[in-house]
Amino acid sequence: VRNSRLSMRMKLILSLMCIAAILLISCIISYIEYSSMTNYVSGLVADDISSINEARKLADMSNNYNLQILAVIGDDTSASLPDFDDDYFLSHCDQLRTSLASEDVRTRADSVMYAYSAYMLTSLEADNVLMSDFIDSRSWYFERLQPRFQRLQTEIGVFRRCVVYDAVKEIEKCAYVLPDGVVFAVGQ
């Protein structure tokens, strides 16, 4: 009867082995979850960086166009308006809208498109303004075109911040998967 019972030392060793096995399983699960989370977050960050850079390009493009219009307005001898790659701007803005998952980001992309449309519609008046003898082209630029340009720049900036905020929210969601997965797998 006495031989079938485990000694205190054996009970301690067995309990420590159980704890070690649980910790090993927990470690393996943590490593797998961490690897998958790292891959997901890396892809997410790469997509968001691409979107932010694309939004910056669109902002730079509109800024250059606006400065070229200002140069034409400031130079009374030049009546040739600059060209703007409307197709590039619209296709890339639409691409940003469809590539991002968040409803807030898509709404912001729509706001960028609306501000862009208002700006471009106003900039199309430049030919008539330059040819007119009674419209002051500088006041037209600063009172009509510049506010729409500022709105476009603001909307692009808000869009970029929204993309960053959305990425942070996605990363935070991933951070809670790891502890929950470990607790579930260990069965506590």
Protein backbone atom coordinates (compact mmCIF):
# COMPACT_ATOMS: atom_id res chain seq x y z
CA VAL A 1 0.00 0.00 0.00
CA ARG A 2 2.81 2.32 0.81
CA ASN A 3 4.62 1.74 -2.52
CA SER A 4 1.62 2.79 -4.62
CA ARG A 5 1.52 6.22 -3.07
CA LEU A 6 3.73 8.94 -4.49
CA SER A 7 6.17 10.65 -2.27
CA MET A 8 5.95 14.37 -1.64
CA ARG A 9 8.98 14.89 -3.85
CA MET A 10 7.37 13.01 -6.78
CA LYS A 11 4.14 14.97 -6.36
CA LEU A 12 6.10 18.21 -6.48
CA ILE A 13 8.02 17.08 -9.58
CA LEU A 14 4.82 16.02 -11.35
CA SER A 15 3.07 19.30 -10.53
CA LEU A 16 6.09 21.27 -11.77
CA MET A 17 6.10 19.18 -14.95
CA CYS A 18 2.41 19.99 -15.49
CA ILE A 19 3.12 23.69 -15.02
CA ALA A 20 6.10 23.41 -17.39
CA ALA A 21 3.92 21.67 -20.01
CA ILE A 22 1.25 24.36 -19.74
CA LEU A 23 3.90 27.07 -20.05
CA LEU A 24 5.40 25.31 -23.08
CA ILE A 25 2.00 25.08 -24.76
CA SER A 26 1.34 28.72 -23.87
CA CYS A 27 4.71 29.71 -25.31
CA ILE A 28 4.05 27.85 -28.58
CA ILE A 29 0.60 29.41 -28.93
CA SER A 30 2.02 32.85 -28.15
CA TYR A 31 4.72 32.43 -30.77
CA ILE A 32 2.23 31.33 -33.42
CA GLU A 33 -0.18 34.17 -32.57
CA TYR A 34 2.62 36.70 -32.48
CA SER A 35 3.90 35.56 -35.88
CA SER A 36 0.48 35.78 -37.48
CA MET A 37 -0.19 39.14 -35.83
CA THR A 38 3.18 40.46 -37.03
CA ASN A 39 2.46 39.39 -40.59
CA TYR A 40 -1.02 40.92 -40.50
CA VAL A 41 0.17 44.19 -38.99
CA SER A 42 3.08 44.41 -41.44
CA GLY A 43 0.71 44.07 -44.36
CA LEU A 44 -1.67 46.58 -42.83
CA VAL A 45 1.08 49.11 -42.21
CA ALA A 46 2.46 48.66 -45.73
CA ASP A 47 -0.99 49.29 -47.22
CA ASP A 48 -1.54 52.32 -45.02
CA ILE A 49 1.86 53.79 -45.81
CA SER A 50 1.09 53.34 -49.49
CA SER A 51 -2.27 55.09 -49.03
CA ILE A 52 -0.72 57.95 -47.07
CA ASN A 53 2.00 58.42 -49.69
CA GLU A 54 -0.60 58.39 -52.45
CA ALA A 55 -2.64 61.02 -50.61
CA ARG A 56 0.53 63.10 -50.22
CA LYS A 57 1.16 62.84 -53.98
CA LEU A 58 -2.38 64.03 -54.68
CA ALA A 59 -1.88 66.95 -52.29
CA ASP A 60 1.44 67.85 -53.94
CA MET A 61 -0.14 67.61 -57.37
CA SER A 62 -2.95 69.98 -56.47
CA ASN A 63 -0.50 72.32 -54.72
CA ASN A 64 1.70 72.53 -57.83
CA TYR A 65 -1.34 73.21 -60.00
CA ASN A 66 -2.51 75.92 -57.63
CA LEU A 67 0.93 77.57 -57.65
CA GLN A 68 1.00 77.45 -61.46
CA ILE A 69 -2.37 79.19 -61.60
CA LEU A 70 -1.06 81.81 -59.17
CA ALA A 71 1.96 82.33 -61.42
CA VAL A 72 -0.32 82.86 -64.44
CA ILE A 73 -2.49 85.28 -62.44
CA GLY A 74 0.58 87.19 -61.23
CA ASP A 75 2.10 87.42 -64.71
CA ASP A 76 -0.15 89.64 -66.79
CA THR A 77 1.63 88.71 -70.03
CA SER A 78 0.95 84.97 -69.79
CA ALA A 79 -2.59 83.81 -70.53
CA SER A 80 -1.87 80.10 -70.82
CA LEU A 81 -3.30 78.04 -67.99
CA PRO A 82 -1.40 75.02 -66.73
CA ASP A 83 -2.54 71.49 -67.47
CA PHE A 84 -3.71 69.20 -64.73
CA ASP A 85 -3.72 65.40 -64.97
CA ASP A 86 -7.34 65.01 -63.99
CA ASP A 87 -7.48 61.31 -64.91
CA TYR A 88 -4.53 60.47 -62.66
CA PHE A 89 -5.98 62.36 -59.72
CA LEU A 90 -9.45 60.85 -60.05
CA SER A 91 -8.26 57.30 -60.64
CA HIS A 92 -5.85 57.35 -57.70
CA CYS A 93 -8.38 58.95 -55.38
CA ASP A 94 -10.94 56.32 -56.41
CA GLN A 95 -8.32 53.60 -55.94
CA LEU A 96 -7.68 54.87 -52.40
CA ARG A 97 -11.39 54.85 -51.72
CA THR A 98 -11.89 51.26 -52.82
CA SER A 99 -8.70 49.84 -51.31
CA LEU A 100 -9.42 50.90 -47.74
CA ALA A 101 -11.83 48.96 -45.55
CA SER A 102 -13.05 51.49 -43.01
CA GLU A 103 -16.28 53.34 -43.66
CA ASP A 104 -14.76 56.50 -42.10
CA VAL A 105 -11.85 56.39 -44.53
CA ARG A 106 -14.16 55.87 -47.51
CA THR A 107 -16.29 58.80 -46.34
CA ARG A 108 -13.15 60.95 -46.10
CA ALA A 109 -12.12 59.86 -49.60
CA ASP A 110 -15.54 61.00 -50.83
CA SER A 111 -14.96 64.35 -49.09
CA VAL A 112 -11.64 64.68 -50.91
CA MET A 113 -13.40 64.00 -54.22
CA TYR A 114 -16.08 66.60 -53.42
CA ALA A 115 -13.49 69.24 -52.46
CA TYR A 116 -11.47 68.38 -55.58
CA SER A 117 -14.55 68.78 -57.79
CA ALA A 118 -15.35 72.17 -56.25
CA TYR A 119 -11.75 73.32 -56.69
CA MET A 120 -11.49 72.14 -60.29
CA LEU A 121 -14.87 73.63 -61.20
CA THR A 122 -13.72 76.99 -59.83
CA SER A 123 -10.33 76.71 -61.53
CA LEU A 124 -12.08 76.28 -64.88
CA GLU A 125 -13.27 79.88 -64.50
CA ALA A 126 -9.65 81.06 -64.80
CA ASP A 127 -9.79 81.40 -68.61
CA ASN A 128 -12.78 83.73 -68.42
CA VAL A 129 -11.27 85.65 -65.52
CA LEU A 130 -7.98 86.22 -67.34
CA MET A 131 -9.73 87.40 -70.52
CA SER A 132 -12.15 89.66 -68.68
CA ASP A 133 -11.43 93.36 -68.41
CA PHE A 134 -13.68 93.98 -65.44
CA ILE A 135 -12.82 91.01 -63.17
CA ASP A 136 -9.77 91.44 -60.98
CA SER A 137 -7.90 88.17 -61.43
CA ARG A 138 -6.00 88.45 -58.16
CA SER A 139 -9.10 89.01 -56.08
CA TRP A 140 -10.78 86.10 -57.92
CA TYR A 141 -7.81 83.89 -57.06
CA PHE A 142 -7.66 84.83 -53.37
CA GLU A 143 -11.40 85.13 -52.76
CA ARG A 144 -12.78 82.26 -54.86
CA LEU A 145 -10.11 79.78 -55.83
CA GLN A 146 -7.85 79.86 -52.78
CA PRO A 147 -10.62 78.97 -50.26
CA ARG A 148 -11.53 75.93 -52.36
CA PHE A 149 -7.89 74.95 -52.59
CA GLN A 150 -7.53 75.28 -48.82
CA ARG A 151 -10.61 73.08 -48.40
CA LEU A 152 -9.08 70.47 -50.71
CA GLN A 153 -5.81 70.51 -48.77
CA THR A 154 -7.69 70.26 -45.48
CA GLU A 155 -9.73 67.30 -46.71
CA ILE A 156 -6.60 65.50 -47.92
CA GLY A 157 -4.94 66.13 -44.55
CA VAL A 158 -7.98 64.82 -42.67
CA PHE A 159 -8.02 61.81 -44.97
CA ARG A 160 -4.38 61.05 -44.17
CA ARG A 161 -5.01 61.35 -40.42
CA CYS A 162 -8.06 59.12 -40.74
CA VAL A 163 -5.97 56.43 -42.48
CA VAL A 164 -3.42 56.57 -39.66
CA TYR A 165 -6.12 56.45 -36.98
CA ASP A 166 -7.79 53.50 -38.72
CA ALA A 167 -4.46 51.64 -38.85
CA VAL A 168 -3.89 52.24 -35.14
CA LYS A 169 -7.37 50.88 -34.35
CA GLU A 170 -6.67 47.75 -36.41
CA ILE A 171 -3.34 47.21 -34.65
CA GLU A 172 -5.01 47.63 -31.25
CA LYS A 173 -7.59 45.00 -32.20
CA CYS A 174 -4.76 42.58 -33.01
CA ALA A 175 -3.05 43.21 -29.68
CA TYR A 176 -6.00 41.73 -27.78
CA VAL A 177 -6.13 38.53 -29.84
CA LEU A 178 -2.88 37.20 -28.36
CA PRO A 179 -3.81 37.12 -24.64
CA ASP A 180 -7.35 35.89 -25.38
CA GLY A 181 -6.01 33.08 -27.55
CA VAL A 182 -3.53 31.96 -24.92
CA VAL A 183 -6.14 31.98 -22.13
CA PHE A 184 -8.57 30.02 -24.30
CA ALA A 185 -5.96 27.45 -25.34
CA VAL A 186 -4.72 26.86 -21.80
CA GLY A 187 -8.32 26.48 -20.64
CA GLN A 188 -8.42 28.93 -17.76
